[in-house]
Each structure stands twice: as structure tokens, then as C-alpha cells.
N, C-alpha and C. Protein backbone atom coordinates (compact mmCIF):
# COMPACT_ATOMS: atom_id res chain seq x y z
N UNK A 1 88.06 119.26 158.98
CA UNK A 1 88.61 120.00 158.28
C UNK A 1 88.84 121.24 158.43
N UNK A 2 89.97 121.89 158.67
CA UNK A 2 90.25 123.04 159.32
C UNK A 2 90.00 124.42 158.01
N UNK A 3 89.91 125.29 158.69
CA UNK A 3 89.57 126.28 157.18
C UNK A 3 91.12 126.66 156.38
N UNK A 4 92.56 126.08 156.83
CA UNK A 4 93.72 126.13 156.31
C UNK A 4 94.09 125.16 156.39
N UNK A 5 94.55 124.23 155.16
CA UNK A 5 95.49 122.91 155.27
C UNK A 5 96.60 123.70 154.51
N UNK A 6 97.65 122.95 154.40
CA UNK A 6 99.01 122.77 153.41
C UNK A 6 98.53 122.06 152.58
N UNK A 7 98.97 123.13 151.49
CA UNK A 7 98.74 122.50 150.18
C UNK A 7 99.79 121.30 149.70
N UNK A 8 98.72 120.34 149.18
CA UNK A 8 99.34 119.36 148.49
C UNK A 8 99.99 119.72 147.09
N UNK A 9 100.94 118.72 146.67
CA UNK A 9 101.10 119.18 145.11
C UNK A 9 101.73 117.66 144.71
N UNK A 10 101.73 117.42 143.17
CA UNK A 10 102.48 115.97 142.99
C UNK A 10 103.99 116.80 142.84
N UNK A 11 104.21 115.02 143.14
CA UNK A 11 105.81 115.49 143.08
C UNK A 11 106.52 116.01 141.51
N UNK A 12 107.08 117.25 142.02
CA UNK A 12 107.04 118.02 140.84
C UNK A 12 108.20 117.13 139.86
N UNK A 13 109.04 116.49 140.38
CA UNK A 13 110.14 115.88 139.46
C UNK A 13 109.60 114.70 138.52
N UNK A 14 108.66 113.77 139.23
CA UNK A 14 108.18 112.93 138.56
C UNK A 14 106.59 113.13 137.99
N UNK A 15 105.99 114.06 138.61
CA UNK A 15 104.56 114.70 138.16
C UNK A 15 103.90 113.30 138.54
N UNK A 16 103.90 112.45 139.47
CA UNK A 16 103.12 111.25 139.57
C UNK A 16 103.59 110.70 141.05
N UNK A 17 102.44 109.77 140.99
CA UNK A 17 102.59 108.73 142.60
C UNK A 17 102.55 109.05 143.75
N UNK A 18 102.94 110.36 143.97
CA UNK A 18 102.66 110.50 145.44
C UNK A 18 102.71 112.10 145.49
N UNK A 19 102.50 112.87 146.46
CA UNK A 19 102.20 114.29 147.05
C UNK A 19 103.42 114.61 147.70
N UNK A 20 103.73 116.22 147.74
CA UNK A 20 104.34 116.69 148.80
C UNK A 20 103.68 118.02 149.18
N UNK A 21 104.15 118.60 150.26
CA UNK A 21 103.95 119.65 150.66
C UNK A 21 104.60 121.12 149.77
N UNK A 22 103.79 121.61 149.56
CA UNK A 22 104.24 123.11 148.62
C UNK A 22 105.05 123.69 149.10
N UNK A 23 106.10 124.38 149.16
CA UNK A 23 106.97 125.43 149.36
C UNK A 23 107.10 126.68 148.65
N UNK A 24 106.62 127.70 149.44
CA UNK A 24 106.81 129.06 148.53
C UNK A 24 108.33 129.65 148.77
N UNK A 25 108.18 130.83 148.50
CA UNK A 25 109.50 131.94 148.85
C UNK A 25 110.39 131.31 150.05
N UNK A 26 109.80 131.73 151.12
CA UNK A 26 110.09 131.14 152.17
C UNK A 26 109.19 130.40 153.38
N UNK A 27 108.16 130.06 152.92
CA UNK A 27 107.35 129.24 154.08
C UNK A 27 106.58 127.99 153.26
N UNK A 28 106.02 127.26 153.85
CA UNK A 28 104.98 126.24 153.36
C UNK A 28 103.56 127.28 152.59
N UNK A 29 103.39 126.43 151.92
CA UNK A 29 101.96 127.03 151.05
C UNK A 29 100.88 126.62 151.25
N UNK A 30 99.77 127.34 152.35
CA UNK A 30 98.55 126.94 152.56
C UNK A 30 97.45 126.70 151.33
N UNK A 31 96.02 125.80 151.45
CA UNK A 31 95.34 125.69 150.71
C UNK A 31 94.43 126.24 151.77
N UNK A 32 93.78 126.93 151.33
CA UNK A 32 92.06 127.68 151.78
C UNK A 32 90.82 126.98 151.24
N UNK A 33 91.02 126.13 149.92
CA UNK A 33 90.16 125.50 149.22
C UNK A 33 89.80 123.87 149.98
N UNK A 34 89.30 123.63 148.72
CA UNK A 34 89.29 121.79 148.96
C UNK A 34 89.79 121.23 148.63
N UNK A 35 90.63 121.30 147.38
CA UNK A 35 91.55 120.21 146.72
C UNK A 35 92.39 119.33 147.62
N UNK A 36 93.36 119.92 148.45
CA UNK A 36 94.30 119.30 149.12
C UNK A 36 93.37 118.53 150.08
N UNK A 37 92.32 118.60 150.61
CA UNK A 37 91.29 117.72 151.37
C UNK A 37 91.02 116.89 150.54
N UNK A 38 90.34 116.84 149.41
CA UNK A 38 90.22 115.97 148.65
C UNK A 38 90.96 115.01 147.90
N UNK A 39 92.20 115.50 147.56
CA UNK A 39 93.05 114.86 147.47
C UNK A 39 93.62 113.49 148.28
N UNK A 40 93.54 114.12 149.55
CA UNK A 40 94.04 113.06 150.99
C UNK A 40 92.60 112.33 151.08
N UNK A 41 91.92 112.78 150.68
CA UNK A 41 90.65 111.79 151.01
C UNK A 41 90.18 110.90 149.72
N UNK A 42 90.86 111.11 148.33
CA UNK A 42 90.80 110.26 147.37
C UNK A 42 91.79 109.02 147.47
N UNK A 43 92.90 109.46 147.81
CA UNK A 43 94.13 108.61 147.46
C UNK A 43 94.69 108.46 148.93
N UNK A 44 93.93 108.06 150.24
CA UNK A 44 94.63 107.44 151.14
C UNK A 44 93.90 106.40 151.11
N UNK A 45 94.53 105.28 151.21
CA UNK A 45 93.75 103.68 151.05
C UNK A 45 92.96 103.61 152.23
N UNK A 46 91.73 103.54 152.53
CA UNK A 46 90.66 103.20 153.18
C UNK A 46 91.06 101.95 153.66
N UNK A 47 90.95 100.98 154.78
CA UNK A 47 91.16 99.70 155.33
C UNK A 47 89.66 99.26 154.57
N UNK A 48 89.70 97.72 154.36
CA UNK A 48 88.47 97.25 153.83
C UNK A 48 88.16 96.07 154.81
N UNK A 49 87.15 95.54 154.35
CA UNK A 49 87.24 94.04 155.29
C UNK A 49 87.91 92.92 154.13
N UNK A 50 87.96 92.03 155.00
CA UNK A 50 88.65 91.01 154.46
C UNK A 50 88.21 90.22 153.04
N UNK A 51 86.48 90.66 153.38
CA UNK A 51 86.08 89.93 151.81
C UNK A 51 85.91 90.72 150.84
N UNK A 52 86.54 92.48 151.00
CA UNK A 52 86.37 93.15 150.13
C UNK A 52 87.77 93.22 149.25
N UNK A 53 88.75 92.37 149.58
CA UNK A 53 90.09 92.35 149.18
C UNK A 53 89.69 91.21 147.61
N UNK A 54 90.75 91.91 146.63
CA UNK A 54 90.82 91.27 145.59
C UNK A 54 91.40 90.17 145.75
N UNK A 55 91.34 88.98 144.85
CA UNK A 55 91.93 87.68 144.91
C UNK A 55 93.62 87.93 145.13
N UNK A 56 93.85 86.70 145.93
CA UNK A 56 95.41 86.92 146.51
C UNK A 56 95.96 88.26 147.14
N UNK A 57 94.93 88.74 147.38
CA UNK A 57 95.64 89.90 148.47
C UNK A 57 95.16 89.80 149.72
N UNK A 58 95.80 90.34 150.49
CA UNK A 58 95.94 89.87 152.18
C UNK A 58 96.19 91.55 152.97
N UNK A 59 96.49 92.24 152.48
CA UNK A 59 96.55 93.77 153.10
C UNK A 59 95.52 94.24 152.70
N UNK A 60 94.61 94.66 153.81
CA UNK A 60 93.55 95.22 154.15
C UNK A 60 93.88 96.35 153.87
N UNK A 61 95.31 97.37 153.88
CA UNK A 61 95.50 98.45 153.88
C UNK A 61 94.97 99.22 155.02
N UNK A 62 94.81 100.74 154.98
CA UNK A 62 93.95 101.38 155.55
C UNK A 62 95.23 102.47 156.38
N UNK A 63 94.63 103.90 157.16
CA UNK A 63 95.71 104.77 157.68
C UNK A 63 95.41 104.17 159.37
N UNK A 64 96.77 104.42 160.03
CA UNK A 64 96.87 104.06 161.12
C UNK A 64 95.82 104.85 162.14
N UNK A 65 95.60 106.32 161.97
CA UNK A 65 95.20 107.34 162.26
C UNK A 65 93.42 106.95 162.94
N UNK A 66 93.05 106.07 161.59
CA UNK A 66 91.91 105.66 162.38
C UNK A 66 91.16 105.07 163.12
N UNK A 67 92.79 104.46 164.24
CA UNK A 67 92.40 104.00 165.09
C UNK A 67 92.29 104.71 166.96
N UNK A 68 92.39 106.13 166.41
CA UNK A 68 92.69 106.98 167.17
C UNK A 68 91.58 108.14 166.96
N UNK A 69 90.54 108.02 166.08
CA UNK A 69 89.61 109.13 165.53
C UNK A 69 88.79 109.42 166.55
N UNK A 70 88.44 110.52 166.16
CA UNK A 70 87.45 111.36 167.39
C UNK A 70 85.95 110.71 166.78
N UNK A 71 85.86 110.20 166.01
CA UNK A 71 84.30 109.69 166.08
C UNK A 71 84.56 108.31 165.89
N UNK A 72 83.84 107.58 166.58
CA UNK A 72 83.83 106.13 166.49
C UNK A 72 83.86 105.83 164.84
N UNK A 73 84.72 104.76 164.42
CA UNK A 73 84.41 104.20 163.30
C UNK A 73 84.73 105.12 162.24
N UNK A 74 85.06 106.21 162.27
CA UNK A 74 85.30 107.11 161.35
C UNK A 74 86.64 106.59 160.22
N UNK A 75 86.52 106.63 159.09
CA UNK A 75 87.57 106.23 157.93
C UNK A 75 88.25 107.10 157.41
N UNK A 76 89.27 107.68 157.19
CA UNK A 76 89.63 108.37 156.31
C UNK A 76 90.19 107.36 154.70
N UNK A 77 90.14 107.93 153.68
CA UNK A 77 90.61 107.46 152.57
C UNK A 77 89.29 107.08 151.49
N UNK A 78 89.66 106.22 150.80
CA UNK A 78 88.84 106.11 149.90
C UNK A 78 89.43 104.10 149.31
N UNK A 79 88.42 103.73 148.60
CA UNK A 79 88.56 102.14 148.16
C UNK A 79 89.03 101.98 146.70
N UNK A 80 89.28 103.68 146.55
CA UNK A 80 89.78 103.40 145.02
C UNK A 80 91.14 102.47 144.34
N UNK A 81 92.20 101.94 145.58
CA UNK A 81 92.80 101.23 145.52
C UNK A 81 92.35 99.92 144.97
N UNK A 82 91.32 99.49 145.45
CA UNK A 82 90.78 98.12 145.03
C UNK A 82 90.86 97.46 143.62
N UNK A 83 90.84 99.09 142.87
CA UNK A 83 90.30 98.78 141.05
C UNK A 83 91.67 98.61 140.58
N UNK A 84 93.11 98.72 141.23
CA UNK A 84 94.41 98.95 140.20
C UNK A 84 94.54 97.33 139.56
N UNK A 85 93.69 96.37 139.77
CA UNK A 85 94.13 95.40 139.07
C UNK A 85 93.12 95.29 138.18
N UNK A 86 91.81 96.00 138.29
CA UNK A 86 90.48 95.59 137.45
C UNK A 86 90.58 95.91 135.80
N UNK A 87 89.85 94.82 135.01
CA UNK A 87 89.59 95.21 133.70
C UNK A 87 88.80 96.54 133.29
N UNK A 88 89.35 97.22 132.31
CA UNK A 88 88.96 98.21 132.16
C UNK A 88 87.43 98.34 131.57
N UNK A 89 86.53 98.49 132.25
CA UNK A 89 85.06 98.21 132.24
C UNK A 89 84.16 99.50 132.28
N UNK A 90 83.06 99.50 132.13
CA UNK A 90 81.90 100.37 132.21
C UNK A 90 81.85 100.43 133.90
N UNK A 91 81.68 99.04 134.41
CA UNK A 91 81.49 99.16 135.71
C UNK A 91 82.40 99.51 136.90
N UNK A 92 83.67 99.00 136.25
CA UNK A 92 85.23 99.63 136.97
C UNK A 92 84.63 100.93 137.39
N UNK A 93 84.69 101.78 135.97
CA UNK A 93 84.86 103.22 135.87
C UNK A 93 83.44 103.83 136.98
N UNK A 94 82.52 103.15 136.92
CA UNK A 94 81.22 103.56 137.61
C UNK A 94 81.55 103.19 139.39
N UNK A 95 82.62 102.00 139.49
CA UNK A 95 82.78 101.86 140.83
C UNK A 95 83.78 102.75 141.12
N UNK A 96 84.99 103.41 140.41
CA UNK A 96 85.71 104.71 140.40
C UNK A 96 84.65 105.71 140.80
N UNK A 97 84.13 106.13 140.40
CA UNK A 97 82.96 107.10 140.65
C UNK A 97 82.30 107.32 141.90
N UNK A 98 82.07 105.76 142.29
CA UNK A 98 81.13 105.73 143.73
C UNK A 98 82.20 105.82 144.77
N UNK A 99 83.23 105.15 144.70
CA UNK A 99 84.21 105.28 145.80
C UNK A 99 84.73 106.75 145.95
N UNK A 100 84.78 107.39 144.94
CA UNK A 100 85.44 108.98 145.05
C UNK A 100 84.24 109.70 145.66
N UNK A 101 82.93 109.54 145.33
CA UNK A 101 81.85 110.38 145.93
C UNK A 101 82.01 110.00 147.23
N UNK A 102 81.76 108.39 147.57
CA UNK A 102 81.82 107.88 149.39
C UNK A 102 83.09 108.77 150.08
N UNK A 103 84.38 108.46 149.20
CA UNK A 103 85.09 109.51 150.05
C UNK A 103 84.80 110.93 150.47
N UNK A 104 84.00 111.27 149.60
CA UNK A 104 84.05 112.44 149.89
C UNK A 104 82.58 113.30 150.78
N UNK A 105 82.08 112.34 150.34
CA UNK A 105 80.87 112.71 151.34
C UNK A 105 81.13 113.13 152.79
N UNK A 106 82.16 112.99 153.33
CA UNK A 106 82.33 113.96 154.82
C UNK A 106 81.90 115.19 154.51
N UNK A 107 82.80 115.85 153.24
CA UNK A 107 82.66 117.26 152.93
C UNK A 107 81.02 117.82 152.91
N UNK A 108 80.29 117.18 152.92
CA UNK A 108 78.99 117.31 152.96
C UNK A 108 77.96 117.28 154.07
N UNK A 109 78.58 116.13 154.79
CA UNK A 109 78.15 115.94 155.96
C UNK A 109 78.81 116.90 157.20
N UNK A 110 80.21 117.59 156.86
CA UNK A 110 80.35 118.41 158.00
C UNK A 110 80.39 119.91 157.38
N UNK A 111 79.22 120.13 156.38
CA UNK A 111 78.54 121.24 156.09
C UNK A 111 79.33 122.19 155.37
N UNK A 112 81.07 121.70 154.83
CA UNK A 112 82.21 121.95 154.57
C UNK A 112 81.35 122.44 152.56
N UNK A 113 80.65 121.47 152.01
CA UNK A 113 80.16 121.48 150.79
C UNK A 113 78.47 121.23 150.70
N UNK A 114 77.99 121.69 149.88
CA UNK A 114 76.69 121.71 149.43
C UNK A 114 76.48 120.45 148.80
N UNK A 115 77.50 120.40 148.05
CA UNK A 115 77.24 119.42 146.67
C UNK A 115 78.19 118.74 145.97
N UNK A 116 78.57 117.92 145.81
CA UNK A 116 80.20 117.34 145.01
C UNK A 116 79.43 116.26 143.74
N UNK A 117 80.01 117.07 142.86
CA UNK A 117 79.86 116.24 141.35
C UNK A 117 81.02 115.62 141.30
N UNK A 118 81.03 113.94 140.61
CA UNK A 118 82.27 113.84 140.49
C UNK A 118 82.05 113.09 139.27
N UNK A 119 82.71 113.00 137.97
CA UNK A 119 82.47 111.87 136.92
C UNK A 119 84.19 111.66 136.47
N UNK A 120 84.37 110.59 135.64
CA UNK A 120 85.44 109.92 135.53
C UNK A 120 85.00 109.36 133.90
N UNK A 121 86.33 109.42 133.00
CA UNK A 121 86.59 108.80 131.85
C UNK A 121 87.64 107.97 131.75
N UNK A 122 87.71 107.24 130.62
CA UNK A 122 89.14 106.48 130.55
C UNK A 122 89.57 107.43 129.14
N UNK A 123 90.78 107.96 129.46
CA UNK A 123 91.19 108.56 128.26
C UNK A 123 92.29 107.79 127.50
N UNK A 124 92.74 106.82 128.31
CA UNK A 124 93.57 105.98 127.12
C UNK A 124 93.89 104.68 128.24
N UNK A 125 94.32 103.37 127.75
CA UNK A 125 94.23 102.31 128.02
C UNK A 125 94.64 101.86 130.02
N UNK A 126 93.59 101.62 130.80
CA UNK A 126 94.57 101.96 132.06
C UNK A 126 94.37 103.08 132.71
N UNK A 127 94.12 104.16 132.16
CA UNK A 127 94.36 105.66 132.65
C UNK A 127 93.01 106.18 132.54
N UNK A 128 92.31 106.66 134.00
CA UNK A 128 91.20 107.30 134.28
C UNK A 128 91.53 108.92 134.81
N UNK A 129 90.64 109.53 133.74
CA UNK A 129 91.10 111.12 134.57
C UNK A 129 89.63 111.23 135.30
N UNK A 130 89.71 112.04 136.51
CA UNK A 130 88.66 112.07 137.12
C UNK A 130 88.08 113.60 137.33
N UNK A 131 87.66 114.12 137.27
CA UNK A 131 86.88 115.30 137.33
C UNK A 131 85.96 115.49 138.65
N UNK A 132 86.04 116.73 139.38
CA UNK A 132 85.41 116.82 140.59
C UNK A 132 85.33 118.32 141.08
N UNK A 133 84.32 118.67 141.06
CA UNK A 133 83.03 119.93 141.51
C UNK A 133 82.90 119.93 142.91
N UNK A 134 83.21 120.84 143.80
CA UNK A 134 82.87 121.08 144.93
C UNK A 134 81.99 122.01 145.05
N UNK A 135 80.65 122.06 145.05
CA UNK A 135 79.81 123.44 145.34
C UNK A 135 79.78 124.07 146.93
N UNK A 136 80.20 124.68 147.45
CA UNK A 136 80.36 125.12 148.60
C UNK A 136 79.05 125.85 148.97
N UNK A 137 78.56 125.97 150.60
CA UNK A 137 77.58 126.52 150.83
C UNK A 137 77.30 128.19 150.33
N UNK A 138 78.35 128.72 150.25
CA UNK A 138 78.62 130.15 149.91
C UNK A 138 77.93 130.52 148.79
N UNK A 139 77.91 129.49 147.69
CA UNK A 139 77.70 129.43 146.42
C UNK A 139 79.12 129.51 145.39
N UNK A 140 79.85 129.38 146.03
CA UNK A 140 81.48 129.36 145.48
C UNK A 140 81.50 127.63 144.65
N UNK A 141 82.34 127.69 143.79
CA UNK A 141 82.38 126.34 143.64
C UNK A 141 84.23 126.05 143.03
N UNK A 142 84.46 125.08 143.70
CA UNK A 142 86.07 124.58 143.20
C UNK A 142 85.90 123.34 142.23
N UNK A 143 86.70 123.43 141.43
CA UNK A 143 86.77 122.22 140.59
C UNK A 143 88.37 121.87 139.54
N UNK A 144 88.33 120.71 139.83
CA UNK A 144 90.07 120.11 138.92
C UNK A 144 89.78 118.90 138.75
N UNK A 145 90.79 118.84 138.13
CA UNK A 145 91.12 117.40 137.76
C UNK A 145 92.30 116.40 137.93
N UNK A 146 92.07 115.30 138.21
CA UNK A 146 93.27 114.45 138.21
C UNK A 146 93.36 112.80 137.50
N UNK A 147 94.55 112.72 137.02
CA UNK A 147 94.80 111.59 136.19
C UNK A 147 94.97 110.53 136.77
N UNK A 148 94.51 109.57 137.15
CA UNK A 148 94.91 108.38 137.62
C UNK A 148 95.40 106.94 137.03
N UNK A 149 96.46 106.32 137.39
CA UNK A 149 96.69 105.01 136.12
C UNK A 149 96.98 103.81 136.98
N UNK A 150 95.94 103.73 138.09
CA UNK A 150 96.03 102.42 138.82
C UNK A 150 97.52 102.10 139.69
N UNK A 151 98.42 102.95 139.83
CA UNK A 151 99.58 102.66 140.54
C UNK A 151 99.75 104.30 140.98
N UNK A 152 99.34 105.30 140.76
CA UNK A 152 99.48 106.42 141.43
C UNK A 152 98.48 107.85 140.71
N UNK A 153 99.11 109.01 140.89
CA UNK A 153 98.14 110.18 140.24
C UNK A 153 99.51 110.58 139.44
N UNK A 154 98.39 111.48 138.38
CA UNK A 154 99.51 112.31 138.02
C UNK A 154 98.56 113.71 138.06
N UNK A 155 99.20 114.83 137.45
CA UNK A 155 98.59 115.93 137.32
C UNK A 155 99.06 116.87 136.27
């Protein structure tokens, strides 16, 4: 991760489903924090093994850039996408939390974060609110929440 990333925002028209680069008065807006990096990690579909696929699913997904990663077998993204058809249970919610932690672990491994706290809750049928707190080695913390409905993200 660089010290400065382009800031991503939810689509301002629909408020969901995909992210766009934020534009300021006359330039792209940068993000010196961790939110953009976390959003990319959480909502890029990680490639999975065939035996991890849900029934009747054949697309293993993944990001093409993983083929040319600097670190062998390094993959970006999360397995959250696997949960889009799951029943609303405590087990599914725990898998969401685990997948979120797993995909953000690189921040700790790379020394960008000291600790990452992830919590999630169902706020209504089929809707999960995930709260993330990233504690940095400097002692500063960054916290944000995202709403996920199995099909996309809302802010």
C-alpha cells in the first residue's frame, strides 16, 4: 500500500453497488488513510478453489492482477462474495467477519496497521452492517461502517 491512494466513494447517484474515484474542484481526491485500501480489499472478489464454490456456481472469480503479483500466491480481495446466497444465520455472519479479517490481514503483515477490529450485524433481512476499526502503529485509529446487501455496497 502506498502512503497516498486515490479516494474511492460509492456511486453518488445510486449510493450503492460500485465505487468511483472521487473528484474535487479540479483534481482527483487522495486518501491518506486506510478506508480506500480496506474497501478494495473487502469488495474485490478473491479467486477461490473449485471446492469452495457454492452449489451450481462455476465462476471462481478473482482479480487478473493476481497472476502478476510481486509476491507469489499473493491475492487481493475477499471471499465475501461467496455469502450472497447464504441464509441469514449467526454462522453466515461469523463467516462474513472472518472473511473480512482475512482480507485485511495484509495491513498488519505489512506494518500499516497494529490491529484491525471487525464487527458485523444484520440490520434487516439480507442486510449486513460491517464496522471496521484500523489501529495504526502511530496510535491513531480509523473507523468506518459499510452496508452490504449481498449484491453490492451502500454508504
